[in-house]
C-alpha cells in the first residue's frame, strides 16, 4: 500500500502537470524517464527520489516545496472547514481546466467574468 505522503506528492505532480497543460510523455521527456514512471509517481505506486523530484519541479516550473503543500493539515475530509469547497480543490481536473481557461481570457474580460461568478454564487 502506498504511503500517504507519496500519494500526496504524486497528486501534486499530476495537478501541476495538468495546470501547465503538459502530458505525462512531455514531462517524462523533460525529466529523462519513461512516461510509465510518471504514471507510477502520480498514483503514489512508486516513491519519487529527491533528485528526481528536483528535476520534476524544474520541468513544471515550481519549487520542490510545492509538492508538500497542504500535507500537514490532514486531508481526510472532503470539504474544508466552511463545508463549501473540496479540501483537495486541485484534485478536480474540471476545476484545473476551469482555472487554466480563466487565465487564458484577456484581463478586462476576466475581471467581468469574476464579478459575474461572485454575483451568481452570492459570495462576499
PDB file of N, CA and C in Angstrom:
ATOM      1  N   UNK A   1       0.839  -1.177   0.000  1.00  0.00           N
ATOM      2  CA  UNK A   1       0.000   0.000   0.000  1.00  0.00           C
ATOM      3  C   UNK A   1       0.889   1.247   0.000  1.00  0.00           C
ATOM      4  N   UNK A   2       0.605   2.212  -0.883  1.00  0.00           N
ATOM      5  CA  UNK A   2       1.457   3.414  -0.961  1.00  0.00           C
ATOM      6  C   UNK A   2       1.362   4.253   0.312  1.00  0.00           C
ATOM      7  N   UNK A   3       2.452   4.908   0.638  1.00  0.00           N
ATOM      8  CA  UNK A   3       2.487   5.811   1.787  1.00  0.00           C
ATOM      9  C   UNK A   3       1.679   7.075   1.436  1.00  0.00           C
ATOM     10  N   UNK A   4       0.912   7.615   2.379  1.00  0.00           N
ATOM     11  CA  UNK A   4       0.095   8.800   2.104  1.00  0.00           C
ATOM     12  C   UNK A   4       0.898  10.001   1.581  1.00  0.00           C
ATOM     13  N   UNK A   5       2.133  10.152   2.019  1.00  0.00           N
ATOM     14  CA  UNK A   5       2.963  11.256   1.527  1.00  0.00           C
ATOM     15  C   UNK A   5       3.282  11.044   0.047  1.00  0.00           C
ATOM     16  N   UNK A   6       3.576   9.813  -0.349  1.00  0.00           N
ATOM     17  CA  UNK A   6       3.866   9.528  -1.758  1.00  0.00           C
ATOM     18  C   UNK A   6       2.636   9.789  -2.624  1.00  0.00           C
ATOM     19  N   UNK A   7       1.470   9.453  -2.112  1.00  0.00           N
ATOM     20  CA  UNK A   7       0.217   9.700  -2.836  1.00  0.00           C
ATOM     21  C   UNK A   7       0.000  11.203  -2.976  1.00  0.00           C
ATOM     22  N   UNK A   8       0.225  11.956  -1.893  1.00  0.00           N
ATOM     23  CA  UNK A   8       0.040  13.413  -1.926  1.00  0.00           C
ATOM     24  C   UNK A   8       0.990  14.059  -2.927  1.00  0.00           C
ATOM     25  N   UNK A   9       2.260  13.690  -2.875  1.00  0.00           N
ATOM     26  CA  UNK A   9       3.252  14.248  -3.805  1.00  0.00           C
ATOM     27  C   UNK A   9       2.862  13.903  -5.240  1.00  0.00           C
ATOM     28  N   UNK A  10       2.443  12.668  -5.467  1.00  0.00           N
ATOM     29  CA  UNK A  10       2.019  12.268  -6.812  1.00  0.00           C
ATOM     30  C   UNK A  10       0.840  13.079  -7.324  1.00  0.00           C
ATOM     31  N   UNK A  11      -0.119  13.333  -6.445  1.00  0.00           N
ATOM     32  CA  UNK A  11      -1.276  14.160  -6.832  1.00  0.00           C
ATOM     33  C   UNK A  11      -0.844  15.564  -7.203  1.00  0.00           C
ATOM     34  N   UNK A  12       0.077  16.103  -6.421  1.00  0.00           N
ATOM     35  CA  UNK A  12       0.551  17.462  -6.697  1.00  0.00           C
ATOM     36  C   UNK A  12       1.308  17.517  -8.026  1.00  0.00           C
ATOM     37  N   UNK A  13       2.076  16.456  -8.337  1.00  0.00           N
ATOM     38  CA  UNK A  13       2.750  16.390  -9.641  1.00  0.00           C
ATOM     39  C   UNK A  13       1.698  16.402 -10.742  1.00  0.00           C
ATOM     40  N   UNK A  14       0.691  15.540 -10.621  1.00  0.00           N
ATOM     41  CA  UNK A  14      -0.360  15.456 -11.639  1.00  0.00           C
ATOM     42  C   UNK A  14      -1.098  16.779 -11.775  1.00  0.00           C
ATOM     43  N   UNK A  15      -1.450  17.411 -10.671  1.00  0.00           N
ATOM     44  CA  UNK A  15      -2.199  18.664 -10.724  1.00  0.00           C
ATOM     45  C   UNK A  15      -1.409  19.763 -11.409  1.00  0.00           C
ATOM     46  N   UNK A  16      -0.155  19.871 -11.055  1.00  0.00           N
ATOM     47  CA  UNK A  16       0.681  20.901 -11.681  1.00  0.00           C
ATOM     48  C   UNK A  16       0.866  20.606 -13.164  1.00  0.00           C
ATOM     49  N   UNK A  17       1.049  19.347 -13.508  1.00  0.00           N
ATOM     50  CA  UNK A  17       1.203  18.973 -14.918  1.00  0.00           C
ATOM     51  C   UNK A  17      -0.046  19.346 -15.694  1.00  0.00           C
ATOM     52  N   UNK A  18      -1.219  19.036 -15.133  1.00  0.00           N
ATOM     53  CA  UNK A  18      -2.481  19.417 -15.786  1.00  0.00           C
ATOM     54  C   UNK A  18      -2.589  20.930 -15.929  1.00  0.00           C
ATOM     55  N   UNK A  19      -2.228  21.643 -14.867  1.00  0.00           N
ATOM     56  CA  UNK A  19      -2.373  23.097 -14.859  1.00  0.00           C
ATOM     57  C   UNK A  19      -1.526  23.751 -15.940  1.00  0.00           C
ATOM     58  N   UNK A  20      -0.329  23.222 -16.172  1.00  0.00           N
ATOM     59  CA  UNK A  20       0.524  23.810 -17.206  1.00  0.00           C
ATOM     60  C   UNK A  20       0.257  23.206 -18.587  1.00  0.00           C
ATOM     61  N   UNK A  21      -0.669  22.254 -18.655  1.00  0.00           N
ATOM     62  CA  UNK A  21      -1.036  21.667 -19.943  1.00  0.00           C
ATOM     63  C   UNK A  21       0.001  20.730 -20.524  1.00  0.00           C
ATOM     64  N   UNK A  22       0.690  20.014 -19.665  1.00  0.00           N
ATOM     65  CA  UNK A  22       1.744  19.098 -20.099  1.00  0.00           C
ATOM     66  C   UNK A  22       1.252  17.659 -19.997  1.00  0.00           C
ATOM     67  N   UNK A  23       1.606  16.845 -20.967  1.00  0.00           N
ATOM     68  CA  UNK A  23       1.253  15.424 -20.918  1.00  0.00           C
ATOM     69  C   UNK A  23       2.281  14.673 -20.085  1.00  0.00           C
ATOM     70  N   UNK A  24       1.928  13.449 -19.715  1.00  0.00           N
ATOM     71  CA  UNK A  24       2.886  12.610 -19.000  1.00  0.00           C
ATOM     72  C   UNK A  24       4.117  12.368 -19.868  1.00  0.00           C
ATOM     73  N   UNK A  25       3.904  12.177 -21.154  1.00  0.00           N
ATOM     74  CA  UNK A  25       5.014  11.936 -22.078  1.00  0.00           C
ATOM     75  C   UNK A  25       5.954  13.144 -22.121  1.00  0.00           C
ATOM     76  N   UNK A  26       5.386  14.347 -22.190  1.00  0.00           N
ATOM     77  CA  UNK A  26       6.213  15.553 -22.237  1.00  0.00           C
ATOM     78  C   UNK A  26       7.017  15.723 -20.948  1.00  0.00           C
ATOM     79  N   UNK A  27       6.371  15.490 -19.806  1.00  0.00           N
ATOM     80  CA  UNK A  27       7.078  15.604 -18.543  1.00  0.00           C
ATOM     81  C   UNK A  27       8.194  14.559 -18.468  1.00  0.00           C
ATOM     82  N   UNK A  28       7.880  13.347 -18.868  1.00  0.00           N
ATOM     83  CA  UNK A  28       8.885  12.278 -18.844  1.00  0.00           C
ATOM     84  C   UNK A  28      10.091  12.638 -19.712  1.00  0.00           C
ATOM     85  N   UNK A  29       9.837  13.176 -20.888  1.00  0.00           N
ATOM     86  CA  UNK A  29      10.935  13.567 -21.771  1.00  0.00           C
ATOM     87  C   UNK A  29      11.770  14.675 -21.154  1.00  0.00           C
ATOM     88  N   UNK A  30      11.118  15.635 -20.503  1.00  0.00           N
ATOM     89  CA  UNK A  30      11.850  16.722 -19.847  1.00  0.00           C
ATOM     90  C   UNK A  30      12.728  16.225 -18.710  1.00  0.00           C
ATOM     91  N   UNK A  31      12.279  15.172 -18.047  1.00  0.00           N
ATOM     92  CA  UNK A  31      12.995  14.644 -16.893  1.00  0.00           C
ATOM     93  C   UNK A  31      13.965  13.540 -17.294  1.00  0.00           C
ATOM     94  N   UNK A  32      13.760  12.944 -18.465  1.00  0.00           N
ATOM     95  CA  UNK A  32      14.656  11.892 -18.944  1.00  0.00           C
ATOM     96  C   UNK A  32      14.277  10.501 -18.486  1.00  0.00           C
ATOM     97  N   UNK A  33      12.968  10.249 -18.353  1.00  0.00           N
ATOM     98  CA  UNK A  33      12.484   8.929 -17.955  1.00  0.00           C
ATOM     99  C   UNK A  33      11.328   8.518 -18.864  1.00  0.00           C
ATOM    100  N   UNK A  34      10.783   7.341 -18.654  1.00  0.00           N
ATOM    101  CA  UNK A  34       9.639   6.845 -19.425  1.00  0.00           C
ATOM    102  C   UNK A  34       8.343   7.371 -18.813  1.00  0.00           C
ATOM    103  N   UNK A  35       7.325   7.562 -19.653  1.00  0.00           N
ATOM    104  CA  UNK A  35       6.072   8.113 -19.148  1.00  0.00           C
ATOM    105  C   UNK A  35       5.406   7.178 -18.144  1.00  0.00           C
ATOM    106  N   UNK A  36       5.671   5.879 -18.257  1.00  0.00           N
ATOM    107  CA  UNK A  36       5.097   4.935 -17.294  1.00  0.00           C
ATOM    108  C   UNK A  36       5.569   5.228 -15.875  1.00  0.00           C
ATOM    109  N   UNK A  37       6.801   5.717 -15.762  1.00  0.00           N
ATOM    110  CA  UNK A  37       7.328   6.064 -14.444  1.00  0.00           C
ATOM    111  C   UNK A  37       6.579   7.274 -13.881  1.00  0.00           C
ATOM    112  N   UNK A  38       6.248   8.226 -14.738  1.00  0.00           N
ATOM    113  CA  UNK A  38       5.448   9.385 -14.306  1.00  0.00           C
ATOM    114  C   UNK A  38       4.097   8.898 -13.796  1.00  0.00           C
ATOM    115  N   UNK A  39       3.488   7.943 -14.511  1.00  0.00           N
ATOM    116  CA  UNK A  39       2.205   7.377 -14.067  1.00  0.00           C
ATOM    117  C   UNK A  39       2.332   6.790 -12.666  1.00  0.00           C
ATOM    118  N   UNK A  40       3.397   6.056 -12.425  1.00  0.00           N
ATOM    119  CA  UNK A  40       3.596   5.426 -11.120  1.00  0.00           C
ATOM    120  C   UNK A  40       3.825   6.465 -10.028  1.00  0.00           C
ATOM    121  N   UNK A  41       4.546   7.535 -10.359  1.00  0.00           N
ATOM    122  CA  UNK A  41       4.741   8.611  -9.389  1.00  0.00           C
ATOM    123  C   UNK A  41       3.397   9.270  -9.051  1.00  0.00           C
ATOM    124  N   UNK A  42       2.610   9.546 -10.087  1.00  0.00           N
ATOM    125  CA  UNK A  42       1.358  10.265  -9.891  1.00  0.00           C
ATOM    126  C   UNK A  42       0.340   9.477  -9.069  1.00  0.00           C
ATOM    127  N   UNK A  43       0.395   8.177  -9.116  1.00  0.00           N
ATOM    128  CA  UNK A  43      -0.527   7.364  -8.317  1.00  0.00           C
ATOM    129  C   UNK A  43       0.032   7.053  -6.938  1.00  0.00           C
ATOM    130  N   UNK A  44       1.304   7.341  -6.735  1.00  0.00           N
ATOM    131  CA  UNK A  44       1.941   7.015  -5.462  1.00  0.00           C
ATOM    132  C   UNK A  44       2.439   5.592  -5.413  1.00  0.00           C
ATOM    133  N   UNK A  45       2.309   4.862  -6.520  1.00  0.00           N
ATOM    134  CA  UNK A  45       2.771   3.480  -6.562  1.00  0.00           C
ATOM    135  C   UNK A  45       4.290   3.409  -6.399  1.00  0.00           C
ATOM    136  N   UNK A  46       5.000   4.387  -6.958  1.00  0.00           N
ATOM    137  CA  UNK A  46       6.452   4.479  -6.798  1.00  0.00           C
ATOM    138  C   UNK A  46       6.784   5.775  -6.075  1.00  0.00           C
ATOM    139  N   UNK A  47       7.726   5.708  -5.184  1.00  0.00           N
ATOM    140  CA  UNK A  47       8.208   6.865  -4.434  1.00  0.00           C
ATOM    141  C   UNK A  47       9.167   7.657  -5.313  1.00  0.00           C
ATOM    142  N   UNK A  48       9.056   8.989  -5.274  1.00  0.00           N
ATOM    143  CA  UNK A  48       9.925   9.864  -6.063  1.00  0.00           C
ATOM    144  C   UNK A  48      11.171  10.185  -5.241  1.00  0.00           C
ATOM    145  N   UNK A  49      12.341   9.942  -5.815  1.00  0.00           N
ATOM    146  CA  UNK A  49      13.580  10.282  -5.108  1.00  0.00           C
ATOM    147  C   UNK A  49      13.732  11.802  -5.067  1.00  0.00           C
ATOM    148  N   UNK A  50      14.571  12.278  -4.167  1.00  0.00           N
ATOM    149  CA  UNK A  50      14.784  13.716  -4.011  1.00  0.00           C
ATOM    150  C   UNK A  50      15.307  14.350  -5.293  1.00  0.00           C
ATOM    151  N   UNK A  51      16.287  13.710  -5.917  1.00  0.00           N
ATOM    152  CA  UNK A  51      16.859  14.292  -7.140  1.00  0.00           C
ATOM    153  C   UNK A  51      15.854  14.276  -8.281  1.00  0.00           C
ATOM    154  N   UNK A  52      15.040  13.242  -8.364  1.00  0.00           N
ATOM    155  CA  UNK A  52      14.021  13.176  -9.414  1.00  0.00           C
ATOM    156  C   UNK A  52      12.932  14.215  -9.167  1.00  0.00           C
ATOM    157  N   UNK A  53      12.557  14.414  -7.899  1.00  0.00           N
ATOM    158  CA  UNK A  53      11.560  15.430  -7.569  1.00  0.00           C
ATOM    159  C   UNK A  53      12.088  16.819  -7.918  1.00  0.00           C
ATOM    160  N   UNK A  54      13.368  17.021  -7.721  1.00  0.00           N
ATOM    161  CA  UNK A  54      14.012  18.283  -8.092  1.00  0.00           C
ATOM    162  C   UNK A  54      13.872  18.508  -9.600  1.00  0.00           C
ATOM    163  N   UNK A  55      14.137  17.470 -10.386  1.00  0.00           N
ATOM    164  CA  UNK A  55      14.024  17.573 -11.848  1.00  0.00           C
ATOM    165  C   UNK A  55      12.578  17.822 -12.274  1.00  0.00           C
ATOM    166  N   UNK A  56      11.636  17.156 -11.628  1.00  0.00           N
ATOM    167  CA  UNK A  56      10.216  17.335 -11.948  1.00  0.00           C
ATOM    168  C   UNK A  56       9.787  18.762 -11.618  1.00  0.00           C
ATOM    169  N   UNK A  57      10.214  19.264 -10.459  1.00  0.00           N
ATOM    170  CA  UNK A  57       9.878  20.633 -10.068  1.00  0.00           C
ATOM    171  C   UNK A  57      10.410  21.617 -11.095  1.00  0.00           C
ATOM    172  N   UNK A  58      11.641  21.401 -11.551  1.00  0.00           N
ATOM    173  CA  UNK A  58      12.243  22.269 -12.557  1.00  0.00           C
ATOM    174  C   UNK A  58      11.440  22.223 -13.859  1.00  0.00           C
ATOM    175  N   UNK A  59      11.060  21.031 -14.285  1.00  0.00           N
ATOM    176  CA  UNK A  59      10.306  20.874 -15.537  1.00  0.00           C
ATOM    177  C   UNK A  59       8.921  21.516 -15.446  1.00  0.00           C
ATOM    178  N   UNK A  60       8.337  21.524 -14.237  1.00  0.00           N
ATOM    179  CA  UNK A  60       6.990  22.075 -14.063  1.00  0.00           C
ATOM    180  C   UNK A  60       7.007  23.524 -13.581  1.00  0.00           C
ATOM    181  N   UNK A  61       8.187  24.075 -13.371  1.00  0.00           N
ATOM    182  CA  UNK A  61       8.310  25.482 -13.011  1.00  0.00           C
ATOM    183  C   UNK A  61       7.850  25.833 -11.603  1.00  0.00           C
ATOM    184  N   UNK A  62       8.104  24.930 -10.651  1.00  0.00           N
ATOM    185  CA  UNK A  62       7.747  25.201  -9.256  1.00  0.00           C
ATOM    186  C   UNK A  62       8.922  24.843  -8.356  1.00  0.00           C
ATOM    187  N   UNK A  63       8.837  25.294  -7.109  1.00  0.00           N
ATOM    188  CA  UNK A  63       9.808  24.904  -6.096  1.00  0.00           C
ATOM    189  C   UNK A  63       9.458  23.498  -5.618  1.00  0.00           C
ATOM    190  N   UNK A  64      10.417  22.764  -5.117  1.00  0.00           N
ATOM    191  CA  UNK A  64      10.181  21.412  -4.611  1.00  0.00           C
ATOM    192  C   UNK A  64       9.134  21.427  -3.497  1.00  0.00           C
ATOM    193  N   UNK A  65       9.120  22.469  -2.702  1.00  0.00           N
ATOM    194  CA  UNK A  65       8.170  22.571  -1.587  1.00  0.00           C
ATOM    195  C   UNK A  65       6.713  22.558  -2.056  1.00  0.00           C
ATOM    196  N   UNK A  66       6.463  22.931  -3.307  1.00  0.00           N
ATOM    197  CA  UNK A  66       5.109  22.920  -3.863  1.00  0.00           C
ATOM    198  C   UNK A  66       4.448  21.556  -3.682  1.00  0.00           C
ATOM    199  N   UNK A  67       5.218  20.493  -3.836  1.00  0.00           N
ATOM    200  CA  UNK A  67       4.664  19.148  -3.796  1.00  0.00           C
ATOM    201  C   UNK A  67       4.247  18.708  -2.391  1.00  0.00           C
ATOM    202  N   UNK A  68       4.683  19.448  -1.380  1.00  0.00           N
ATOM    203  CA  UNK A  68       4.356  19.100   0.005  1.00  0.00           C
ATOM    204  C   UNK A  68       3.320  20.037   0.620  1.00  0.00           C
ATOM    205  N   UNK A  69       2.895  21.053  -0.130  1.00  0.00           N
ATOM    206  CA  UNK A  69       1.907  21.993   0.396  1.00  0.00           C
ATOM    207  C   UNK A  69       0.612  21.267   0.728  1.00  0.00           C
ATOM    208  N   UNK A  70       0.055  21.601   1.889  1.00  0.00           N
ATOM    209  CA  UNK A  70      -1.221  21.036   2.297  1.00  0.00           C
ATOM    210  C   UNK A  70      -1.145  19.698   2.978  1.00  0.00           C
ATOM    211  N   UNK A  71       0.011  19.137   3.100  1.00  0.00           N
ATOM    212  CA  UNK A  71       0.127  17.794   3.665  1.00  0.00           C
ATOM    213  C   UNK A  71      -0.012  17.780   5.184  1.00  0.00           C
ATOM    214  N   UNK A  72       0.390  18.847   5.856  1.00  0.00           N
ATOM    215  CA  UNK A  72       0.368  18.840   7.309  1.00  0.00           C
ATOM    216  C   UNK A  72      -1.015  19.062   7.890  1.00  0.00           C
ATOM    217  N   UNK A  73      -1.984  19.481   7.079  1.00  0.00           N
ATOM    218  CA  UNK A  73      -3.302  19.808   7.590  1.00  0.00           C
ATOM    219  C   UNK A  73      -4.243  18.637   7.726  1.00  0.00           C
ATOM    220  N   UNK A  74      -3.853  17.444   7.372  1.00  0.00           N
ATOM    221  CA  UNK A  74      -4.745  16.290   7.460  1.00  0.00           C
ATOM    222  C   UNK A  74      -5.825  16.367   6.410  1.00  0.00           C
ATOM    223  N   UNK A  75      -5.631  15.707   5.328  1.00  0.00           N
ATOM    224  CA  UNK A  75      -6.520  15.785   4.168  1.00  0.00           C
ATOM    225  C   UNK A  75      -7.636  14.761   4.215  1.00  0.00           C
ATOM    226  N   UNK A  76      -8.143  14.427   5.390  1.00  0.00           N
ATOM    227  CA  UNK A  76      -9.121  13.363   5.496  1.00  0.00           C
ATOM    228  C   UNK A  76     -10.530  13.772   5.098  1.00  0.00           C
ATOM    229  N   UNK A  77     -10.884  15.037   5.258  1.00  0.00           N
ATOM    230  CA  UNK A  77     -12.250  15.424   4.927  1.00  0.00           C
ATOM    231  C   UNK A  77     -12.346  15.827   3.471  1.00  0.00           C
ATOM    232  N   UNK A  78     -13.535  15.660   2.912  1.00  0.00           N
ATOM    233  CA  UNK A  78     -13.717  16.005   1.511  1.00  0.00           C
ATOM    234  C   UNK A  78     -14.082  17.461   1.336  1.00  0.00           C
ATOM    235  N   UNK A  79     -14.379  18.180   2.438  1.00  0.00           N
ATOM    236  CA  UNK A  79     -14.704  19.593   2.374  1.00  0.00           C
ATOM    237  C   UNK A  79     -13.832  20.355   3.361  1.00  0.00           C
ATOM    238  N   UNK A  80     -13.690  21.684   3.111  1.00  0.00           N
ATOM    239  CA  UNK A  80     -12.929  22.490   4.055  1.00  0.00           C
ATOM    240  C   UNK A  80     -13.786  22.830   5.266  1.00  0.00           C
ATOM    241  N   UNK A  81     -13.256  23.639   6.160  1.00  0.00           N
ATOM    242  CA  UNK A  81     -13.963  23.947   7.406  1.00  0.00           C
ATOM    243  C   UNK A  81     -15.313  24.607   7.165  1.00  0.00           C
ATOM    244  N   UNK A  82     -15.457  25.392   6.096  1.00  0.00           N
ATOM    245  CA  UNK A  82     -16.735  26.057   5.820  1.00  0.00           C
ATOM    246  C   UNK A  82     -17.755  25.098   5.229  1.00  0.00           C
ATOM    247  N   UNK A  83     -17.292  23.923   4.775  1.00  0.00           N
ATOM    248  CA  UNK A  83     -18.200  22.947   4.195  1.00  0.00           C
ATOM    249  C   UNK A  83     -18.577  23.236   2.748  1.00  0.00           C
ATOM    250  N   UNK A  84     -17.926  24.215   2.133  1.00  0.00           N
ATOM    251  CA  UNK A  84     -18.307  24.600   0.772  1.00  0.00           C
ATOM    252  C   UNK A  84     -17.340  24.113  -0.302  1.00  0.00           C
ATOM    253  N   UNK A  85     -16.048  24.119  -0.010  1.00  0.00           N
ATOM    254  CA  UNK A  85     -15.055  23.758  -1.019  1.00  0.00           C
ATOM    255  C   UNK A  85     -14.442  22.406  -0.709  1.00  0.00           C
ATOM    256  N   UNK A  86     -14.133  21.612  -1.758  1.00  0.00           N
ATOM    257  CA  UNK A  86     -13.415  20.363  -1.505  1.00  0.00           C
ATOM    258  C   UNK A  86     -12.061  20.673  -0.867  1.00  0.00           C
ATOM    259  N   UNK A  87     -11.634  19.834   0.060  1.00  0.00           N
ATOM    260  CA  UNK A  87     -10.342  20.038   0.714  1.00  0.00           C
ATOM    261  C   UNK A  87      -9.210  19.962  -0.299  1.00  0.00           C
ATOM    262  N   UNK A  88      -9.390  19.155  -1.334  1.00  0.00           N
ATOM    263  CA  UNK A  88      -8.372  18.995  -2.371  1.00  0.00           C
ATOM    264  C   UNK A  88      -8.918  19.550  -3.682  1.00  0.00           C
ATOM    265  N   UNK A  89      -9.125  20.862  -3.716  1.00  0.00           N
ATOM    266  CA  UNK A  89      -9.695  21.502  -4.892  1.00  0.00           C
ATOM    267  C   UNK A  89      -8.883  21.211  -6.145  1.00  0.00           C
ATOM    268  N   UNK A  90      -7.561  21.165  -5.995  1.00  0.00           N
ATOM    269  CA  UNK A  90      -6.722  20.890  -7.154  1.00  0.00           C
ATOM    270  C   UNK A  90      -6.816  19.443  -7.606  1.00  0.00           C
ATOM    271  N   UNK A  91      -7.489  18.608  -6.825  1.00  0.00           N
ATOM    272  CA  UNK A  91      -7.674  17.211  -7.204  1.00  0.00           C
ATOM    273  C   UNK A  91      -8.742  17.032  -8.252  1.00  0.00           C
ATOM    274  N   UNK A  92      -9.468  18.076  -8.556  1.00  0.00           N
ATOM    275  CA  UNK A  92     -10.564  18.022  -9.519  1.00  0.00           C
ATOM    276  C   UNK A  92     -10.067  18.523 -10.867  1.00  0.00           C
ATOM    277  N   UNK A  93      -9.981  17.630 -11.846  1.00  0.00           N
ATOM    278  CA  UNK A  93      -9.471  18.013 -13.165  1.00  0.00           C
ATOM    279  C   UNK A  93     -10.318  19.110 -13.789  1.00  0.00           C
ATOM    280  N   UNK A  94     -11.622  19.059 -13.575  1.00  0.00           N
ATOM    281  CA  UNK A  94     -12.503  20.086 -14.125  1.00  0.00           C
ATOM    282  C   UNK A  94     -12.171  21.458 -13.536  1.00  0.00           C
ATOM    283  N   UNK A  95     -11.881  21.510 -12.244  1.00  0.00           N
ATOM    284  CA  UNK A  95     -11.506  22.771 -11.604  1.00  0.00           C
ATOM    285  C   UNK A  95     -10.199  23.299 -12.190  1.00  0.00           C
ATOM    286  N   UNK A  96      -9.241  22.410 -12.428  1.00  0.00           N
ATOM    287  CA  UNK A  96      -7.978  22.832 -13.028  1.00  0.00           C
ATOM    288  C   UNK A  96      -8.178  23.335 -14.452  1.00  0.00           C
ATOM    289  N   UNK A  97      -9.033  22.655 -15.204  1.00  0.00           N
ATOM    290  CA  UNK A  97      -9.327  23.108 -16.562  1.00  0.00           C
ATOM    291  C   UNK A  97      -9.984  24.485 -16.536  1.00  0.00           C
ATOM    292  N   UNK A  98     -10.865  24.694 -15.563  1.00  0.00           N
ATOM    293  CA  UNK A  98     -11.528  25.984 -15.422  1.00  0.00           C
ATOM    294  C   UNK A  98     -10.518  27.084 -15.107  1.00  0.00           C
ATOM    295  N   UNK A  99      -9.593  26.819 -14.204  1.00  0.00           N
ATOM    296  CA  UNK A  99      -8.573  27.806 -13.860  1.00  0.00           C
ATOM    297  C   UNK A  99      -7.698  28.115 -15.071  1.00  0.00           C
ATOM    298  N   UNK A 100      -7.293  27.083 -15.797  1.00  0.00           N
ATOM    299  CA  UNK A 100      -6.461  27.289 -16.984  1.00  0.00           C
ATOM    300  C   UNK A 100      -7.204  28.132 -18.016  1.00  0.00           C
ATOM    301  N   UNK A 101      -8.479  27.829 -18.227  1.00  0.00           N
ATOM    302  CA  UNK A 101      -9.288  28.590 -19.181  1.00  0.00           C
ATOM    303  C   UNK A 101      -9.483  30.030 -18.719  1.00  0.00           C
ATOM    304  N   UNK A 102      -9.706  30.203 -17.421  1.00  0.00           N
ATOM    305  CA  UNK A 102      -9.902  31.535 -16.852  1.00  0.00           C
ATOM    306  C   UNK A 102      -8.705  32.429 -17.150  1.00  0.00           C
ATOM    307  N   UNK A 103      -7.491  31.923 -16.952  1.00  0.00           N
ATOM    308  CA  UNK A 103      -6.316  32.738 -17.174  1.00  0.00           C
ATOM    309  C   UNK A 103      -5.978  32.918 -18.655  1.00  0.00           C
ATOM    310  N   UNK A 104      -6.662  32.198 -19.526  1.00  0.00           N
ATOM    311  CA  UNK A 104      -6.476  32.389 -20.967  1.00  0.00           C
ATOM    312  C   UNK A 104      -7.342  33.541 -21.480  1.00  0.00           C
ATOM    313  N   UNK A 105      -8.285  33.997 -20.669  1.00  0.00           N
ATOM    314  CA  UNK A 105      -9.183  35.099 -21.050  1.00  0.00           C
ATOM    315  C   UNK A 105      -8.453  36.419 -20.834  1.00  0.00           C
ATOM    316  N   UNK A 106      -8.623  37.390 -21.753  1.00  0.00           N
ATOM    317  CA  UNK A 106      -7.997  38.708 -21.553  1.00  0.00           C
ATOM    318  C   UNK A 106      -8.410  39.314 -20.209  1.00  0.00           C
ATOM    319  N   UNK A 107      -7.493  40.058 -19.599  1.00  0.00           N
ATOM    320  CA  UNK A 107      -7.678  40.516 -18.224  1.00  0.00           C
ATOM    321  C   UNK A 107      -8.963  41.308 -17.996  1.00  0.00           C
ATOM    322  N   UNK A 108      -9.316  42.206 -18.891  1.00  0.00           N
ATOM    323  CA  UNK A 108     -10.529  43.009 -18.672  1.00  0.00           C
ATOM    324  C   UNK A 108     -11.785  42.135 -18.702  1.00  0.00           C
ATOM    325  N   UNK A 109     -11.821  41.154 -19.580  1.00  0.00           N
ATOM    326  CA  UNK A 109     -12.959  40.237 -19.632  1.00  0.00           C
ATOM    327  C   UNK A 109     -12.940  39.278 -18.446  1.00  0.00           C
ATOM    328  N   UNK A 110     -11.746  38.900 -18.022  1.00  0.00           N
ATOM    329  CA  UNK A 110     -11.597  38.008 -16.882  1.00  0.00           C
ATOM    330  C   UNK A 110     -12.187  38.647 -15.626  1.00  0.00           C
ATOM    331  N   UNK A 111     -11.958  39.946 -15.433  1.00  0.00           N
ATOM    332  CA  UNK A 111     -12.498  40.650 -14.267  1.00  0.00           C
ATOM    333  C   UNK A 111     -14.026  40.650 -14.303  1.00  0.00           C
ATOM    334  N   UNK A 112     -14.590  40.858 -15.482  1.00  0.00           N
ATOM    335  CA  UNK A 112     -16.054  40.859 -15.617  1.00  0.00           C
ATOM    336  C   UNK A 112     -16.617  39.474 -15.327  1.00  0.00           C
ATOM    337  N   UNK A 113     -15.929  38.438 -15.783  1.00  0.00           N
ATOM    338  CA  UNK A 113     -16.365  37.074 -15.511  1.00  0.00           C
ATOM    339  C   UNK A 113     -16.299  36.783 -14.020  1.00  0.00           C
ATOM    340  N   UNK A 114     -15.247  37.239 -13.373  1.00  0.00           N
ATOM    341  CA  UNK A 114     -15.096  37.058 -11.931  1.00  0.00           C
ATOM    342  C   UNK A 114     -16.245  37.735 -11.184  1.00  0.00           C
ATOM    343  N   UNK A 115     -16.565  38.964 -11.569  1.00  0.00           N
ATOM    344  CA  UNK A 115     -17.666  39.689 -10.927  1.00  0.00           C
ATOM    345  C   UNK A 115     -18.986  38.949 -11.113  1.00  0.00           C
ATOM    346  N   UNK A 116     -19.211  38.420 -12.303  1.00  0.00           N
ATOM    347  CA  UNK A 116     -20.432  37.658 -12.574  1.00  0.00           C
ATOM    348  C   UNK A 116     -20.493  36.407 -11.700  1.00  0.00           C
ATOM    349  N   UNK A 117     -19.389  35.703 -11.600  1.00  0.00           N
ATOM    350  CA  UNK A 117     -19.352  34.489 -10.777  1.00  0.00           C
ATOM    351  C   UNK A 117     -19.653  34.813  -9.317  1.00  0.00           C
ATOM    352  N   UNK A 118     -19.129  35.920  -8.825  1.00  0.00           N
ATOM    353  CA  UNK A 118     -19.416  36.327  -7.434  1.00  0.00           C
ATOM    354  C   UNK A 118     -20.905  36.588  -7.223  1.00  0.00           C
ATOM    355  N   UNK A 119     -21.505  37.267  -8.180  1.00  0.00           N
ATOM    356  CA  UNK A 119     -22.946  37.574  -8.071  1.00  0.00           C
ATOM    357  C   UNK A 119     -23.755  36.281  -8.089  1.00  0.00           C
ATOM    358  N   UNK A 120     -23.435  35.385  -9.003  1.00  0.00           N
ATOM    359  CA  UNK A 120     -24.166  34.134  -9.126  1.00  0.00           C
ATOM    360  C   UNK A 120     -24.010  33.227  -7.912  1.00  0.00           C
ATOM    361  N   UNK A 121     -22.866  33.300  -7.253  1.00  0.00           N
ATOM    362  CA  UNK A 121     -22.606  32.427  -6.114  1.00  0.00           C
ATOM    363  C   UNK A 121     -22.978  33.060  -4.783  1.00  0.00           C
ATOM    364  N   UNK A 122     -23.363  34.322  -4.795  1.00  0.00           N
ATOM    365  CA  UNK A 122     -23.656  35.057  -3.571  1.00  0.00           C
ATOM    366  C   UNK A 122     -22.469  35.097  -2.609  1.00  0.00           C
ATOM    367  N   UNK A 123     -21.264  35.088  -3.177  1.00  0.00           N
ATOM    368  CA  UNK A 123     -20.055  35.142  -2.350  1.00  0.00           C
ATOM    369  C   UNK A 123     -19.795  36.562  -1.888  1.00  0.00           C
ATOM    370  N   UNK A 124     -19.230  36.740  -0.694  1.00  0.00           N
ATOM    371  CA  UNK A 124     -18.946  38.089  -0.196  1.00  0.00           C
ATOM    372  C   UNK A 124     -17.797  38.735  -0.933  1.00  0.00           C
TER     373      UNK A 124
END
